[in-house]
């Protein structure tokens, strides 16, 4: 049976046949170094030990995560090529692009949700902006000369920032899309005014004094950021934006393979070393859930992002 090939190898016993090759590839549709890429590598290393196979990460960034998503959608449904991603290709892109090179609802089989990524509003320390209210006042006074960066059109960082700009009444800001770490580099250098990003992506720059966190995009303060309040509480806005990480396979992958991976991910996330690393990165692990619940979550999340995109005033391309 194909699913048996993902069984944990036992000393002195041959690995059960079924899958072609010894390598499982996590395709990450974003550039190396970001929060999703970092977590994919952490999980791949643990899964490799747990399942007795070689797990590797391949970054295929670009086109708002459609390049990586398309590569997995067209891969053989044998469990050897998987998509490790945020909400962008599955929940967000259907509402931003009139045509996609894959079917976000039918092309993938859900395996597991791993973590929620809270987002924060950050500015470069060179800007001299110390509070969220000061940022709002600056954006309103200097809208046409201000800008915000993101990891590309349609990413969570773009939508959250666009929604923030619209809700605080700072029309006219330029959106600067990036495909990798240059987004935070330009923020540090004050070439852009602010950014919405995951804490895990900016924490080192904050610790080094190069970036400053002004607020969280959750409804409540984050426990690892004492003294940092939420956008909603500071400005009295109905504002809550976060994204997630999850693992998906090409549609048609045998249920046995999907179920084994679902259980392995749950065991990996429960391990002490992974839990400590996830907490250190400011990520919130999801509890184990069956694949049917993952599918229901993504469907509901797709509807949530449709509302957020509409509220942000972003038109489909």
Protein backbone atom coordinates (compact mmCIF):
# COMPACT_ATOMS: atom_id res chain seq x y z
CA UNK A 1 0.00 0.00 0.00
CA UNK A 2 1.38 3.44 -0.89
CA UNK A 3 0.71 4.87 2.57
CA UNK A 4 2.85 2.22 4.17
CA UNK A 5 5.96 3.79 2.69
CA UNK A 6 5.72 6.63 5.15
CA UNK A 7 5.85 4.28 8.12
CA UNK A 8 8.60 4.79 10.67
CA UNK A 9 11.61 2.71 9.69
CA UNK A 10 12.61 0.13 12.30
CA UNK A 11 16.20 -1.02 12.82
CA UNK A 12 16.99 -4.19 10.93
CA UNK A 13 13.88 -4.02 8.77
CA UNK A 14 13.58 -2.88 5.18
CA UNK A 15 11.45 0.15 4.48
CA UNK A 16 8.09 -0.89 3.06
CA UNK A 17 7.82 -0.32 -0.70
CA UNK A 18 5.36 2.08 -2.25
CA UNK A 19 6.77 5.55 -2.87
CA UNK A 20 9.25 6.40 -5.59
CA UNK A 21 12.56 7.58 -4.11
CA UNK A 22 13.61 8.35 -0.57
CA UNK A 23 12.98 12.11 -0.48
CA UNK A 24 9.92 14.10 0.47
CA UNK A 25 10.03 17.72 -0.70
CA UNK A 26 8.32 20.56 1.12
CA UNK A 27 7.72 23.24 -1.51
CA UNK A 28 7.62 26.65 0.19
CA UNK A 29 6.20 29.28 -2.20
CA UNK A 30 8.22 32.08 -0.59
CA UNK A 31 11.85 33.16 -0.49
CA UNK A 32 14.31 31.58 1.96
CA UNK A 33 14.68 33.14 5.39
CA UNK A 34 11.08 34.10 6.10
CA UNK A 35 8.93 32.77 8.92
CA UNK A 36 7.28 30.08 6.81
CA UNK A 37 10.58 28.90 5.37
CA UNK A 38 12.17 28.71 8.82
CA UNK A 39 9.35 26.64 10.24
CA UNK A 40 9.26 24.36 7.20
CA UNK A 41 12.93 23.50 7.77
CA UNK A 42 12.35 22.90 11.47
CA UNK A 43 9.46 20.53 10.79
CA UNK A 44 11.23 18.78 7.91
CA UNK A 45 14.21 17.95 10.09
CA UNK A 46 12.04 16.44 12.81
CA UNK A 47 9.82 14.54 10.38
CA UNK A 48 12.86 13.09 8.66
CA UNK A 49 14.00 11.56 11.94
CA UNK A 50 10.50 10.52 12.93
CA UNK A 51 9.57 8.85 9.65
CA UNK A 52 12.95 7.57 8.57
CA UNK A 53 12.93 9.42 5.27
CA UNK A 54 14.75 12.45 3.89
CA UNK A 55 12.69 15.63 4.03
CA UNK A 56 13.98 18.69 2.16
CA UNK A 57 12.70 22.21 1.59
CA UNK A 58 12.55 23.75 -1.89
CA UNK A 59 11.78 27.46 -2.18
CA UNK A 60 9.76 28.44 -5.25
CA UNK A 61 8.83 32.09 -4.61
CA UNK A 62 7.12 34.53 -6.90
CA UNK A 63 3.78 35.63 -8.35
CA UNK A 64 2.07 35.78 -4.94
CA UNK A 65 2.90 32.15 -4.17
CA UNK A 66 1.31 30.87 -7.38
CA UNK A 67 4.56 29.45 -8.78
CA UNK A 68 5.11 27.14 -5.83
CA UNK A 69 1.44 26.24 -5.53
CA UNK A 70 1.21 25.37 -9.22
CA UNK A 71 4.25 23.10 -9.00
CA UNK A 72 2.66 21.05 -6.22
CA UNK A 73 -0.77 21.02 -7.86
CA UNK A 74 0.77 19.43 -10.96
CA UNK A 75 3.04 17.00 -9.05
CA UNK A 76 2.41 13.27 -8.85
CA UNK A 77 -0.01 12.46 -5.99
CA UNK A 78 2.40 10.06 -4.30
CA UNK A 79 3.30 11.94 -1.11
CA UNK A 80 6.75 12.93 -2.31
CA UNK A 81 5.93 16.57 -3.12
CA UNK A 82 4.01 18.66 -0.57
CA UNK A 83 3.07 22.33 -0.21
CA UNK A 84 4.03 24.05 3.03
CA UNK A 85 2.39 27.44 2.91
CA UNK A 86 0.53 30.31 4.48
CA UNK A 87 -3.04 31.24 3.59
CA UNK A 88 -1.92 33.12 0.46
CA UNK A 89 -2.29 30.55 -2.35
CA UNK A 90 -5.39 28.79 -0.98
CA UNK A 91 -7.46 31.39 0.90
CA UNK A 92 -6.32 34.75 -0.47
CA UNK A 93 -5.44 34.35 -4.14
CA UNK A 94 -8.94 33.23 -5.22
CA UNK A 95 -10.19 36.72 -4.37
CA UNK A 96 -7.27 38.64 -5.88
CA UNK A 97 -6.73 37.09 -9.29
CA UNK A 98 -9.27 36.55 -12.01
CA UNK A 99 -7.32 33.52 -13.23
CA UNK A 100 -4.99 31.16 -11.37
CA UNK A 101 -2.75 28.39 -12.78
CA UNK A 102 -4.25 25.95 -10.25
CA UNK A 103 -7.64 25.33 -8.62
CA UNK A 104 -7.33 26.50 -4.99
CA UNK A 105 -10.34 24.46 -3.90
CA UNK A 106 -9.83 21.23 -5.83
CA UNK A 107 -6.10 20.88 -6.54
CA UNK A 108 -4.91 20.14 -2.99
CA UNK A 109 -5.59 17.61 -0.27
CA UNK A 110 -5.26 19.02 3.25
CA UNK A 111 -2.86 17.30 5.64
CA UNK A 112 -2.47 19.49 8.73
CA UNK A 113 -2.43 22.99 10.14
CA UNK A 114 0.75 23.71 12.05
CA UNK A 115 0.84 27.23 13.52
CA UNK A 116 -0.91 30.57 13.51
CA UNK A 117 1.30 33.54 12.67
CA UNK A 118 0.30 36.69 14.56
CA UNK A 119 1.15 39.90 12.74
CA UNK A 120 2.58 43.15 14.09
CA UNK A 121 2.88 46.74 12.86
CA UNK A 122 6.54 47.75 12.69
CA UNK A 123 8.53 50.84 11.73
CA UNK A 124 12.23 51.47 11.26
CA UNK A 125 13.91 53.07 14.26
CA UNK A 126 15.33 55.76 11.95
CA UNK A 127 11.79 57.03 11.36
CA UNK A 128 11.60 58.45 14.89
CA UNK A 129 8.02 57.17 15.27
CA UNK A 130 7.43 55.80 18.76
CA UNK A 131 3.73 54.93 18.99
CA UNK A 132 0.90 53.77 16.77
CA UNK A 133 -0.84 57.12 17.17
CA UNK A 134 2.30 58.88 15.97
CA UNK A 135 2.38 56.58 12.92
CA UNK A 136 -1.25 57.35 12.09
CA UNK A 137 -0.62 61.10 12.41
CA UNK A 138 2.47 60.82 10.20
CA UNK A 139 0.61 58.85 7.53
CA UNK A 140 -2.25 61.31 7.45
CA UNK A 141 0.11 64.31 7.15
CA UNK A 142 2.49 62.75 4.64
CA UNK A 143 0.38 60.21 2.79
CA UNK A 144 1.70 60.94 -0.68
CA UNK A 145 5.33 60.67 0.45
CA UNK A 146 4.83 57.60 2.65
CA UNK A 147 4.77 53.93 1.69
CA UNK A 148 4.49 50.44 3.10
CA UNK A 149 6.25 47.29 2.04
CA UNK A 150 4.93 43.76 1.81
CA UNK A 151 5.98 40.32 0.60
CA UNK A 152 4.00 40.76 -2.60
CA UNK A 153 0.56 41.59 -3.91
CA UNK A 154 -2.05 39.57 -2.08
CA UNK A 155 0.12 38.37 0.78
CA UNK A 156 -1.15 38.74 4.33
CA UNK A 157 1.36 41.54 4.95
CA UNK A 158 -0.09 43.47 2.00
CA UNK A 159 -3.74 42.98 2.88
CA UNK A 160 -3.27 43.78 6.56
CA UNK A 161 -1.35 46.98 5.80
CA UNK A 162 -3.83 48.07 3.13
CA UNK A 163 -6.70 47.48 5.54
CA UNK A 164 -4.90 49.48 8.24
CA UNK A 165 -4.24 52.39 5.85
CA UNK A 166 -7.85 52.48 4.77
CA UNK A 167 -9.25 52.31 8.29
CA UNK A 168 -7.06 55.14 9.59
CA UNK A 169 -7.91 57.38 6.61
CA UNK A 170 -4.47 57.71 5.05
CA UNK A 171 -5.35 57.41 1.37
CA UNK A 172 -2.59 57.79 -1.18
CA UNK A 173 0.17 55.64 0.35
CA UNK A 174 2.28 53.67 -2.09
CA UNK A 175 2.45 49.91 -1.71
CA UNK A 176 5.92 48.48 -2.42
CA UNK A 177 5.79 44.71 -3.03
CA UNK A 178 8.94 42.65 -2.44
CA UNK A 179 9.77 39.00 -2.97
CA UNK A 180 12.06 38.48 0.01
CA UNK A 181 14.08 39.97 2.89
CA UNK A 182 14.69 43.27 1.08
CA UNK A 183 11.29 44.31 2.44
CA UNK A 184 12.63 44.58 5.98
CA UNK A 185 16.00 45.90 4.81
CA UNK A 186 14.28 48.87 3.15
CA UNK A 187 12.16 49.39 6.25
CA UNK A 188 15.28 49.52 8.43
CA UNK A 189 16.82 52.04 6.01
CA UNK A 190 13.65 54.18 6.15
CA UNK A 191 13.02 53.74 2.42
CA UNK A 192 9.51 52.63 3.40
CA UNK A 193 7.47 54.02 6.29
CA UNK A 194 5.95 50.97 7.94
CA UNK A 195 5.15 47.32 7.43
CA UNK A 196 2.89 44.60 8.78
CA UNK A 197 4.85 41.40 9.30
CA UNK A 198 4.96 38.30 11.49
CA UNK A 199 6.81 38.63 14.77
CA UNK A 200 9.04 35.69 13.86
CA UNK A 201 10.26 37.55 10.76
CA UNK A 202 11.16 40.80 12.56
CA UNK A 203 12.09 39.71 16.08
CA UNK A 204 15.87 39.77 15.54
CA UNK A 205 15.76 43.23 13.98
CA UNK A 206 13.63 44.44 16.89
CA UNK A 207 16.08 42.96 19.39
CA UNK A 208 18.93 44.72 17.55
CA UNK A 209 17.13 48.06 17.85
CA UNK A 210 16.67 48.47 14.09
CA UNK A 211 12.88 48.03 14.06
CA UNK A 212 10.21 49.04 16.55
CA UNK A 213 6.92 47.20 17.15
CA UNK A 214 4.00 49.59 17.54
CA UNK A 215 1.05 47.21 17.85
CA UNK A 216 -0.17 43.69 17.26
CA UNK A 217 -2.84 42.83 14.72
CA UNK A 218 -4.52 40.35 17.07
CA UNK A 219 -7.49 41.40 19.16
CA UNK A 220 -5.43 40.95 22.31
CA UNK A 221 -1.86 41.71 23.30
CA UNK A 222 0.67 38.96 22.57
CA UNK A 223 2.21 37.39 25.70
CA UNK A 224 5.79 37.61 24.37
CA UNK A 225 5.39 41.35 23.67
CA UNK A 226 4.61 42.90 27.05
CA UNK A 227 3.57 46.50 26.75
CA UNK A 228 2.58 46.19 23.07
CA UNK A 229 -1.18 46.61 22.65
CA UNK A 230 -3.37 45.68 19.70
CA UNK A 231 -4.38 47.96 16.85
CA UNK A 232 -8.01 47.36 17.81
CA UNK A 233 -7.56 48.50 21.42
CA UNK A 234 -5.31 51.45 20.62
CA UNK A 235 -7.41 52.91 17.83
CA UNK A 236 -10.87 51.55 18.64
CA UNK A 237 -11.08 49.74 15.30
CA UNK A 238 -12.54 46.39 14.34
CA UNK A 239 -9.15 45.15 13.22
CA UNK A 240 -7.86 41.58 13.44
CA UNK A 241 -5.56 39.96 10.88
CA UNK A 242 -3.37 36.86 11.21
CA UNK A 243 -2.30 34.07 8.95
CA UNK A 244 -1.42 30.41 9.34
CA UNK A 245 0.91 27.69 8.13
CA UNK A 246 -0.26 24.33 6.86
CA UNK A 247 0.78 21.30 4.86
CA UNK A 248 -1.02 20.13 1.70
CA UNK A 249 -0.56 17.43 -0.91
CA UNK A 250 -1.67 17.20 -4.54
CA UNK A 251 -5.28 16.11 -4.89
CA UNK A 252 -5.57 12.38 -5.35
CA UNK A 253 -2.83 11.49 -2.86
CA UNK A 254 -3.90 8.24 -1.11
CA UNK A 255 -5.65 8.73 2.21
CA UNK A 256 -3.18 6.42 3.96
CA UNK A 257 -0.29 8.75 3.14
CA UNK A 258 -2.25 11.83 4.19
CA UNK A 259 -3.32 10.28 7.49
CA UNK A 260 0.21 9.16 8.35
CA UNK A 261 1.54 12.65 7.68
CA UNK A 262 -1.28 14.17 9.71
CA UNK A 263 -0.34 12.03 12.71
CA UNK A 264 3.37 12.66 12.23
CA UNK A 265 2.87 16.44 12.14
CA UNK A 266 0.85 16.24 15.38
CA UNK A 267 3.64 14.27 17.04
CA UNK A 268 6.28 16.66 15.75
CA UNK A 269 4.45 19.72 17.06
CA UNK A 270 4.03 18.04 20.45
CA UNK A 271 7.77 17.46 20.83
CA UNK A 272 9.56 19.60 23.40
CA UNK A 273 12.26 20.89 21.04
CA UNK A 274 9.77 21.95 18.37
CA UNK A 275 7.44 23.50 20.95
CA UNK A 276 10.29 25.58 22.36
CA UNK A 277 11.41 26.68 18.90
CA UNK A 278 7.86 27.60 17.86
CA UNK A 279 7.31 29.61 21.05
CA UNK A 280 10.64 31.39 20.59
CA UNK A 281 9.54 32.47 17.11
CA UNK A 282 6.26 33.92 18.40
CA UNK A 283 4.10 31.33 16.66
CA UNK A 284 1.01 29.66 18.11
CA UNK A 285 0.64 25.92 17.36
CA UNK A 286 -2.75 24.54 16.41
CA UNK A 287 -4.07 21.56 18.35
CA UNK A 288 -4.15 18.27 16.42
CA UNK A 289 -7.18 18.00 14.16
CA UNK A 290 -8.37 15.46 11.61
CA UNK A 291 -7.99 16.29 7.94
CA UNK A 292 -11.71 16.93 7.58
CA UNK A 293 -11.44 19.74 10.13
CA UNK A 294 -8.44 21.18 8.29
CA UNK A 295 -10.52 21.26 5.09
CA UNK A 296 -13.39 23.00 6.91
CA UNK A 297 -10.98 25.52 8.45
CA UNK A 298 -9.50 26.47 5.08
CA UNK A 299 -12.96 26.85 3.53
CA UNK A 300 -14.01 29.20 6.33
CA UNK A 301 -10.70 31.04 6.12
CA UNK A 302 -11.26 31.60 2.40
CA UNK A 303 -14.51 33.38 3.23
CA UNK A 304 -12.77 35.43 5.96
CA UNK A 305 -10.10 36.69 3.57
CA UNK A 306 -12.75 37.62 1.02
CA UNK A 307 -14.25 39.98 3.61
CA UNK A 308 -10.85 41.42 4.57
CA UNK A 309 -9.80 41.99 0.96
CA UNK A 310 -13.07 43.77 0.21
CA UNK A 311 -12.68 45.93 3.33
CA UNK A 312 -9.11 46.78 2.31
CA UNK A 313 -10.32 47.99 -1.09
CA UNK A 314 -7.99 45.68 -3.07
CA UNK A 315 -9.31 44.91 -6.52
CA UNK A 316 -8.71 41.59 -8.33
CA UNK A 317 -6.07 41.58 -11.05
